[in-house]
Amino acid sequence: MDYTTEIENIKNELKAIGFDDSKLNQLMDLATEEILQAAIEELGEKADDATLEMVAQEVDKPVTTAEEATARMSLIFEKAYGPEAENKKNEMFLDYLKQTLEATKSAKDLYNRYQTGDPSAVATIKAQEGNPDAQQVADMM
């Protein structure tokens, strides 16, 4: 599978449904944080103490360049997933973006149905009043 092409296709779909470059960059940053956290958890479950200590020392050092951040991320993925590190990282990015695309499409569909007065959409939105996550989605719309 060509992950780079797939990721770019999804990014283009996200742009087509309203993500500007700034929002897309924020999404990519969030995706990076999420998949990095998942890799760290995976590493914590299967690495020995010496490996965990070495990675912890690397992660604790201040990051001053994008290259250093990329290198640290690569180190964590290599220790967590071995030879499949790069494929796993790309697969996780792709999955995250696919989920975001589907959630965004669903939210836009609900919003459009709400605007046309669809009773089930109105009821769904009314039930979410006061929910900070729902408010954040509404603000983004």
N, C-alpha and C. Protein backbone atom coordinates (compact mmCIF):
# COMPACT_ATOMS: atom_id res chain seq x y z
N MET A 1 0.85 -1.18 0.00
CA MET A 1 0.00 0.00 0.00
C MET A 1 0.89 1.24 0.00
N ASP A 2 0.51 2.20 -0.80
CA ASP A 2 1.24 3.47 -0.85
C ASP A 2 0.60 4.43 0.15
N TYR A 3 1.13 4.43 1.36
CA TYR A 3 0.55 5.25 2.42
C TYR A 3 0.61 6.74 2.11
N THR A 4 1.69 7.18 1.51
CA THR A 4 1.85 8.60 1.22
C THR A 4 0.72 9.10 0.33
N THR A 5 0.41 8.36 -0.72
CA THR A 5 -0.66 8.74 -1.63
C THR A 5 -2.01 8.70 -0.92
N GLU A 6 -2.25 7.65 -0.15
CA GLU A 6 -3.51 7.53 0.58
C GLU A 6 -3.69 8.68 1.57
N ILE A 7 -2.63 9.01 2.29
CA ILE A 7 -2.70 10.11 3.26
C ILE A 7 -2.98 11.42 2.54
N GLU A 8 -2.30 11.66 1.44
CA GLU A 8 -2.53 12.90 0.67
C GLU A 8 -3.95 12.95 0.13
N ASN A 9 -4.48 11.82 -0.32
CA ASN A 9 -5.86 11.78 -0.81
C ASN A 9 -6.85 12.17 0.28
N ILE A 10 -6.64 11.65 1.47
CA ILE A 10 -7.54 11.98 2.57
C ILE A 10 -7.38 13.44 2.97
N LYS A 11 -6.16 13.94 2.99
CA LYS A 11 -5.95 15.36 3.29
C LYS A 11 -6.68 16.22 2.27
N ASN A 12 -6.65 15.83 1.01
CA ASN A 12 -7.37 16.58 -0.03
C ASN A 12 -8.88 16.51 0.18
N GLU A 13 -9.37 15.35 0.59
CA GLU A 13 -10.80 15.23 0.88
C GLU A 13 -11.19 16.13 2.05
N LEU A 14 -10.33 16.18 3.06
CA LEU A 14 -10.60 17.05 4.22
C LEU A 14 -10.62 18.51 3.79
N LYS A 15 -9.71 18.89 2.91
CA LYS A 15 -9.71 20.27 2.40
C LYS A 15 -11.00 20.54 1.64
N ALA A 16 -11.43 19.56 0.87
CA ALA A 16 -12.64 19.74 0.05
C ALA A 16 -13.89 19.93 0.90
N ILE A 17 -13.89 19.41 2.11
CA ILE A 17 -15.07 19.56 2.96
C ILE A 17 -14.90 20.66 4.00
N GLY A 18 -13.83 21.48 3.83
CA GLY A 18 -13.75 22.67 4.66
C GLY A 18 -12.52 22.87 5.52
N PHE A 19 -11.62 21.93 5.59
CA PHE A 19 -10.41 22.13 6.36
C PHE A 19 -9.48 23.06 5.59
N ASP A 20 -9.09 24.16 6.21
CA ASP A 20 -8.08 25.00 5.58
C ASP A 20 -6.70 24.49 6.01
N ASP A 21 -5.64 25.10 5.48
CA ASP A 21 -4.29 24.63 5.78
C ASP A 21 -3.98 24.68 7.27
N SER A 22 -4.45 25.72 7.94
CA SER A 22 -4.20 25.86 9.37
C SER A 22 -4.86 24.72 10.15
N LYS A 23 -6.11 24.44 9.86
CA LYS A 23 -6.82 23.35 10.54
C LYS A 23 -6.21 22.00 10.20
N LEU A 24 -5.78 21.84 8.97
CA LEU A 24 -5.17 20.59 8.57
C LEU A 24 -3.84 20.39 9.30
N ASN A 25 -3.07 21.46 9.45
CA ASN A 25 -1.81 21.36 10.20
C ASN A 25 -2.08 21.03 11.66
N GLN A 26 -3.12 21.61 12.23
CA GLN A 26 -3.48 21.30 13.61
C GLN A 26 -3.89 19.83 13.73
N LEU A 27 -4.63 19.35 12.75
CA LEU A 27 -5.04 17.95 12.74
C LEU A 27 -3.83 17.03 12.66
N MET A 28 -2.89 17.36 11.80
CA MET A 28 -1.69 16.53 11.67
C MET A 28 -0.88 16.52 12.96
N ASP A 29 -0.81 17.68 13.63
CA ASP A 29 -0.12 17.74 14.93
C ASP A 29 -0.83 16.85 15.95
N LEU A 30 -2.14 16.92 15.96
CA LEU A 30 -2.92 16.09 16.89
C LEU A 30 -2.75 14.61 16.55
N ALA A 31 -2.77 14.29 15.28
CA ALA A 31 -2.56 12.90 14.86
C ALA A 31 -1.20 12.41 15.32
N THR A 32 -0.18 13.25 15.18
CA THR A 32 1.17 12.88 15.61
C THR A 32 1.19 12.59 17.10
N GLU A 33 0.57 13.46 17.88
CA GLU A 33 0.52 13.26 19.33
C GLU A 33 -0.18 11.95 19.67
N GLU A 34 -1.30 11.69 19.01
CA GLU A 34 -2.09 10.50 19.31
C GLU A 34 -1.33 9.22 18.96
N ILE A 35 -0.74 9.18 17.77
CA ILE A 35 -0.05 7.94 17.39
C ILE A 35 1.24 7.77 18.17
N LEU A 36 1.88 8.86 18.53
CA LEU A 36 3.07 8.78 19.36
C LEU A 36 2.72 8.22 20.73
N GLN A 37 1.62 8.68 21.29
CA GLN A 37 1.16 8.16 22.59
C GLN A 37 0.87 6.67 22.50
N ALA A 38 0.24 6.24 21.41
CA ALA A 38 -0.05 4.82 21.22
C ALA A 38 1.24 4.01 21.12
N ALA A 39 2.23 4.54 20.42
CA ALA A 39 3.52 3.85 20.29
C ALA A 39 4.23 3.76 21.64
N ILE A 40 4.15 4.82 22.42
CA ILE A 40 4.78 4.82 23.75
C ILE A 40 4.11 3.77 24.64
N GLU A 41 2.78 3.69 24.57
CA GLU A 41 2.06 2.68 25.36
C GLU A 41 2.46 1.28 24.93
N GLU A 42 2.56 1.08 23.63
CA GLU A 42 2.98 -0.23 23.10
C GLU A 42 4.39 -0.55 23.57
N LEU A 43 5.25 0.42 23.51
CA LEU A 43 6.64 0.23 23.94
C LEU A 43 6.68 -0.12 25.43
N GLY A 44 5.87 0.58 26.22
CA GLY A 44 5.84 0.32 27.65
C GLY A 44 5.38 -1.09 27.99
N GLU A 45 4.55 -1.67 27.13
CA GLU A 45 4.04 -3.02 27.37
C GLU A 45 5.05 -4.11 27.02
N LYS A 46 5.94 -3.83 26.07
CA LYS A 46 6.78 -4.94 25.62
C LYS A 46 8.28 -4.71 25.72
N ALA A 47 8.72 -3.53 26.08
CA ALA A 47 10.17 -3.28 26.14
C ALA A 47 10.72 -3.64 27.51
N ASP A 48 12.00 -3.95 27.52
CA ASP A 48 12.66 -4.21 28.80
C ASP A 48 13.02 -2.88 29.47
N ASP A 49 13.43 -2.95 30.73
CA ASP A 49 13.71 -1.73 31.50
C ASP A 49 14.84 -0.90 30.89
N ALA A 50 15.86 -1.55 30.36
CA ALA A 50 16.99 -0.81 29.79
C ALA A 50 16.54 -0.01 28.57
N THR A 51 15.72 -0.61 27.74
CA THR A 51 15.22 0.09 26.55
C THR A 51 14.33 1.26 26.95
N LEU A 52 13.46 1.02 27.92
CA LEU A 52 12.59 2.09 28.40
C LEU A 52 13.39 3.25 28.97
N GLU A 53 14.43 2.94 29.71
CA GLU A 53 15.27 3.98 30.31
C GLU A 53 15.98 4.78 29.21
N MET A 54 16.51 4.09 28.20
CA MET A 54 17.21 4.77 27.10
C MET A 54 16.25 5.69 26.35
N VAL A 55 15.05 5.21 26.07
CA VAL A 55 14.07 6.02 25.36
C VAL A 55 13.64 7.20 26.23
N ALA A 56 13.42 6.97 27.51
CA ALA A 56 13.02 8.05 28.42
C ALA A 56 14.08 9.14 28.46
N GLN A 57 15.34 8.77 28.48
CA GLN A 57 16.42 9.77 28.49
C GLN A 57 16.41 10.59 27.21
N GLU A 58 16.17 9.94 26.07
CA GLU A 58 16.11 10.66 24.79
C GLU A 58 14.93 11.61 24.75
N VAL A 59 13.77 11.12 25.20
CA VAL A 59 12.56 11.92 25.15
C VAL A 59 12.64 13.13 26.08
N ASP A 60 13.34 12.99 27.18
CA ASP A 60 13.45 14.08 28.15
C ASP A 60 14.33 15.23 27.67
N LYS A 61 15.16 14.99 26.67
CA LYS A 61 16.01 16.06 26.15
C LYS A 61 15.16 17.08 25.41
N PRO A 62 15.50 18.37 25.53
CA PRO A 62 14.73 19.39 24.81
C PRO A 62 14.83 19.22 23.29
N VAL A 63 13.73 19.48 22.62
CA VAL A 63 13.68 19.41 21.15
C VAL A 63 13.80 20.83 20.61
N THR A 64 14.76 21.04 19.74
CA THR A 64 14.98 22.38 19.20
C THR A 64 14.71 22.48 17.70
N THR A 65 14.63 21.33 17.03
CA THR A 65 14.39 21.36 15.58
C THR A 65 13.37 20.29 15.19
N ALA A 66 12.79 20.46 14.04
CA ALA A 66 11.84 19.46 13.53
C ALA A 66 12.55 18.13 13.28
N GLU A 67 13.82 18.20 12.88
CA GLU A 67 14.59 16.99 12.63
C GLU A 67 14.76 16.18 13.91
N GLU A 68 15.02 16.88 15.03
CA GLU A 68 15.17 16.19 16.31
C GLU A 68 13.85 15.53 16.71
N ALA A 69 12.75 16.22 16.51
CA ALA A 69 11.44 15.67 16.85
C ALA A 69 11.15 14.43 16.00
N THR A 70 11.47 14.50 14.73
CA THR A 70 11.26 13.36 13.83
C THR A 70 12.13 12.19 14.24
N ALA A 71 13.37 12.48 14.59
CA ALA A 71 14.29 11.42 15.00
C ALA A 71 13.80 10.73 16.28
N ARG A 72 13.27 11.50 17.21
CA ARG A 72 12.76 10.91 18.46
C ARG A 72 11.53 10.05 18.18
N MET A 73 10.69 10.56 17.32
CA MET A 73 9.50 9.77 16.98
C MET A 73 9.92 8.46 16.31
N SER A 74 10.87 8.54 15.42
CA SER A 74 11.37 7.34 14.74
C SER A 74 11.97 6.35 15.74
N LEU A 75 12.71 6.86 16.71
CA LEU A 75 13.31 6.01 17.73
C LEU A 75 12.22 5.26 18.50
N ILE A 76 11.20 5.97 18.92
CA ILE A 76 10.12 5.34 19.68
C ILE A 76 9.42 4.27 18.84
N PHE A 77 9.14 4.59 17.58
CA PHE A 77 8.48 3.62 16.72
C PHE A 77 9.38 2.42 16.43
N GLU A 78 10.67 2.65 16.24
CA GLU A 78 11.59 1.54 15.99
C GLU A 78 11.66 0.61 17.19
N LYS A 79 11.69 1.19 18.37
CA LYS A 79 11.76 0.36 19.58
C LYS A 79 10.44 -0.36 19.83
N ALA A 80 9.32 0.26 19.47
CA ALA A 80 8.02 -0.35 19.71
C ALA A 80 7.64 -1.38 18.65
N TYR A 81 7.99 -1.12 17.39
CA TYR A 81 7.49 -1.95 16.30
C TYR A 81 8.57 -2.62 15.46
N GLY A 82 9.83 -2.40 15.79
CA GLY A 82 10.92 -3.06 15.07
C GLY A 82 10.95 -2.70 13.61
N PRO A 83 11.19 -3.70 12.76
CA PRO A 83 11.33 -3.42 11.32
C PRO A 83 10.06 -2.88 10.66
N GLU A 84 8.94 -3.05 11.30
CA GLU A 84 7.67 -2.56 10.75
C GLU A 84 7.35 -1.14 11.20
N ALA A 85 8.31 -0.46 11.81
CA ALA A 85 8.06 0.86 12.41
C ALA A 85 7.48 1.87 11.43
N GLU A 86 8.09 2.02 10.29
CA GLU A 86 7.64 3.03 9.33
C GLU A 86 6.25 2.70 8.79
N ASN A 87 6.03 1.43 8.45
CA ASN A 87 4.71 1.03 7.97
C ASN A 87 3.65 1.23 9.05
N LYS A 88 3.98 0.88 10.28
CA LYS A 88 3.03 1.02 11.38
C LYS A 88 2.68 2.50 11.60
N LYS A 89 3.70 3.36 11.56
CA LYS A 89 3.46 4.79 11.74
C LYS A 89 2.54 5.32 10.64
N ASN A 90 2.81 4.98 9.41
CA ASN A 90 1.98 5.43 8.30
C ASN A 90 0.57 4.86 8.38
N GLU A 91 0.46 3.60 8.77
CA GLU A 91 -0.85 2.97 8.93
C GLU A 91 -1.66 3.69 10.01
N MET A 92 -1.02 4.06 11.11
CA MET A 92 -1.70 4.75 12.19
C MET A 92 -2.14 6.15 11.76
N PHE A 93 -1.27 6.86 11.03
CA PHE A 93 -1.66 8.17 10.49
C PHE A 93 -2.87 8.04 9.58
N LEU A 94 -2.81 7.08 8.68
CA LEU A 94 -3.90 6.87 7.73
C LEU A 94 -5.20 6.54 8.46
N ASP A 95 -5.15 5.65 9.43
CA ASP A 95 -6.34 5.30 10.18
C ASP A 95 -6.92 6.52 10.90
N TYR A 96 -6.04 7.31 11.50
CA TYR A 96 -6.48 8.50 12.23
C TYR A 96 -7.18 9.47 11.28
N LEU A 97 -6.58 9.70 10.12
CA LEU A 97 -7.17 10.63 9.16
C LEU A 97 -8.48 10.09 8.59
N LYS A 98 -8.55 8.79 8.35
CA LYS A 98 -9.80 8.19 7.87
C LYS A 98 -10.92 8.38 8.90
N GLN A 99 -10.60 8.14 10.16
CA GLN A 99 -11.60 8.31 11.22
C GLN A 99 -12.05 9.77 11.30
N THR A 100 -11.11 10.68 11.17
CA THR A 100 -11.44 12.10 11.22
C THR A 100 -12.32 12.49 10.03
N LEU A 101 -11.99 11.99 8.86
CA LEU A 101 -12.79 12.27 7.67
C LEU A 101 -14.22 11.76 7.85
N GLU A 102 -14.37 10.55 8.32
CA GLU A 102 -15.71 9.98 8.51
C GLU A 102 -16.48 10.75 9.57
N ALA A 103 -15.83 11.09 10.67
CA ALA A 103 -16.50 11.85 11.73
C ALA A 103 -16.92 13.23 11.23
N THR A 104 -16.07 13.85 10.44
CA THR A 104 -16.39 15.17 9.90
C THR A 104 -17.56 15.09 8.93
N LYS A 105 -17.55 14.09 8.08
CA LYS A 105 -18.67 13.91 7.15
C LYS A 105 -19.98 13.69 7.91
N SER A 106 -19.92 12.88 8.96
CA SER A 106 -21.12 12.62 9.76
C SER A 106 -21.61 13.89 10.44
N ALA A 107 -20.68 14.66 10.99
CA ALA A 107 -21.06 15.91 11.66
C ALA A 107 -21.66 16.90 10.66
N LYS A 108 -21.07 17.01 9.48
CA LYS A 108 -21.60 17.92 8.47
C LYS A 108 -22.98 17.47 8.01
N ASP A 109 -23.17 16.16 7.85
CA ASP A 109 -24.47 15.64 7.45
C ASP A 109 -25.51 15.96 8.51
N LEU A 110 -25.17 15.74 9.77
CA LEU A 110 -26.09 16.05 10.86
C LEU A 110 -26.42 17.53 10.87
N TYR A 111 -25.41 18.36 10.70
CA TYR A 111 -25.61 19.81 10.69
C TYR A 111 -26.52 20.23 9.53
N ASN A 112 -26.30 19.67 8.36
CA ASN A 112 -27.13 19.99 7.20
C ASN A 112 -28.58 19.54 7.42
N ARG A 113 -28.76 18.36 7.99
CA ARG A 113 -30.11 17.88 8.27
C ARG A 113 -30.78 18.75 9.34
N TYR A 114 -30.00 19.21 10.30
CA TYR A 114 -30.51 20.10 11.34
C TYR A 114 -31.01 21.41 10.72
N GLN A 115 -30.22 21.95 9.79
CA GLN A 115 -30.59 23.20 9.15
C GLN A 115 -31.86 23.08 8.32
N THR A 116 -32.12 21.89 7.81
CA THR A 116 -33.34 21.69 7.03
C THR A 116 -34.52 21.29 7.91
N GLY A 117 -34.29 21.17 9.21
CA GLY A 117 -35.38 20.88 10.13
C GLY A 117 -35.68 19.41 10.34
N ASP A 118 -34.80 18.53 9.94
CA ASP A 118 -35.00 17.09 10.15
C ASP A 118 -35.21 16.83 11.65
N PRO A 119 -36.36 16.26 12.01
CA PRO A 119 -36.68 16.07 13.44
C PRO A 119 -35.64 15.25 14.21
N SER A 120 -35.12 14.19 13.59
CA SER A 120 -34.14 13.37 14.31
C SER A 120 -32.83 14.14 14.51
N ALA A 121 -32.45 14.95 13.53
CA ALA A 121 -31.24 15.76 13.67
C ALA A 121 -31.42 16.84 14.73
N VAL A 122 -32.59 17.46 14.74
CA VAL A 122 -32.89 18.49 15.74
C VAL A 122 -32.84 17.87 17.14
N ALA A 123 -33.45 16.70 17.29
CA ALA A 123 -33.46 16.02 18.59
C ALA A 123 -32.04 15.65 19.02
N THR A 124 -31.24 15.17 18.09
CA THR A 124 -29.86 14.79 18.41
C THR A 124 -29.07 15.99 18.88
N ILE A 125 -29.20 17.10 18.18
CA ILE A 125 -28.46 18.30 18.54
C ILE A 125 -28.96 18.88 19.85
N LYS A 126 -30.27 18.89 20.05
CA LYS A 126 -30.84 19.39 21.31
C LYS A 126 -30.34 18.56 22.49
N ALA A 127 -30.21 17.26 22.29
CA ALA A 127 -29.75 16.37 23.36
C ALA A 127 -28.30 16.65 23.74
N GLN A 128 -27.55 17.27 22.83
CA GLN A 128 -26.13 17.53 23.07
C GLN A 128 -25.86 18.95 23.57
N GLU A 129 -26.90 19.74 23.75
CA GLU A 129 -26.69 21.10 24.25
C GLU A 129 -26.01 21.05 25.60
N GLY A 130 -25.01 21.88 25.77
CA GLY A 130 -24.25 21.90 27.01
C GLY A 130 -23.05 20.97 27.00
N ASN A 131 -22.95 20.09 26.01
CA ASN A 131 -21.81 19.19 25.90
C ASN A 131 -20.66 19.97 25.27
N PRO A 132 -19.53 20.13 25.98
CA PRO A 132 -18.44 20.94 25.43
C PRO A 132 -17.85 20.39 24.13
N ASP A 133 -17.83 19.07 23.98
CA ASP A 133 -17.32 18.49 22.74
C ASP A 133 -18.24 18.82 21.57
N ALA A 134 -19.54 18.74 21.80
CA ALA A 134 -20.51 19.07 20.76
C ALA A 134 -20.42 20.56 20.42
N GLN A 135 -20.22 21.40 21.41
CA GLN A 135 -20.09 22.83 21.18
C GLN A 135 -18.85 23.14 20.34
N GLN A 136 -17.78 22.43 20.61
CA GLN A 136 -16.54 22.63 19.85
C GLN A 136 -16.78 22.27 18.37
N VAL A 137 -17.46 21.17 18.12
CA VAL A 137 -17.78 20.79 16.73
C VAL A 137 -18.66 21.85 16.08
N ALA A 138 -19.66 22.32 16.81
CA ALA A 138 -20.56 23.35 16.27
C ALA A 138 -19.80 24.62 15.95
N ASP A 139 -18.89 25.01 16.82
CA ASP A 139 -18.08 26.21 16.57
C ASP A 139 -17.22 26.05 15.32
N MET A 140 -16.72 24.85 15.09
CA MET A 140 -15.88 24.61 13.92
C MET A 140 -16.69 24.65 12.64
N MET A 141 -18.00 24.33 12.73
CA MET A 141 -18.85 24.35 11.55
C MET A 141 -19.05 25.78 11.11
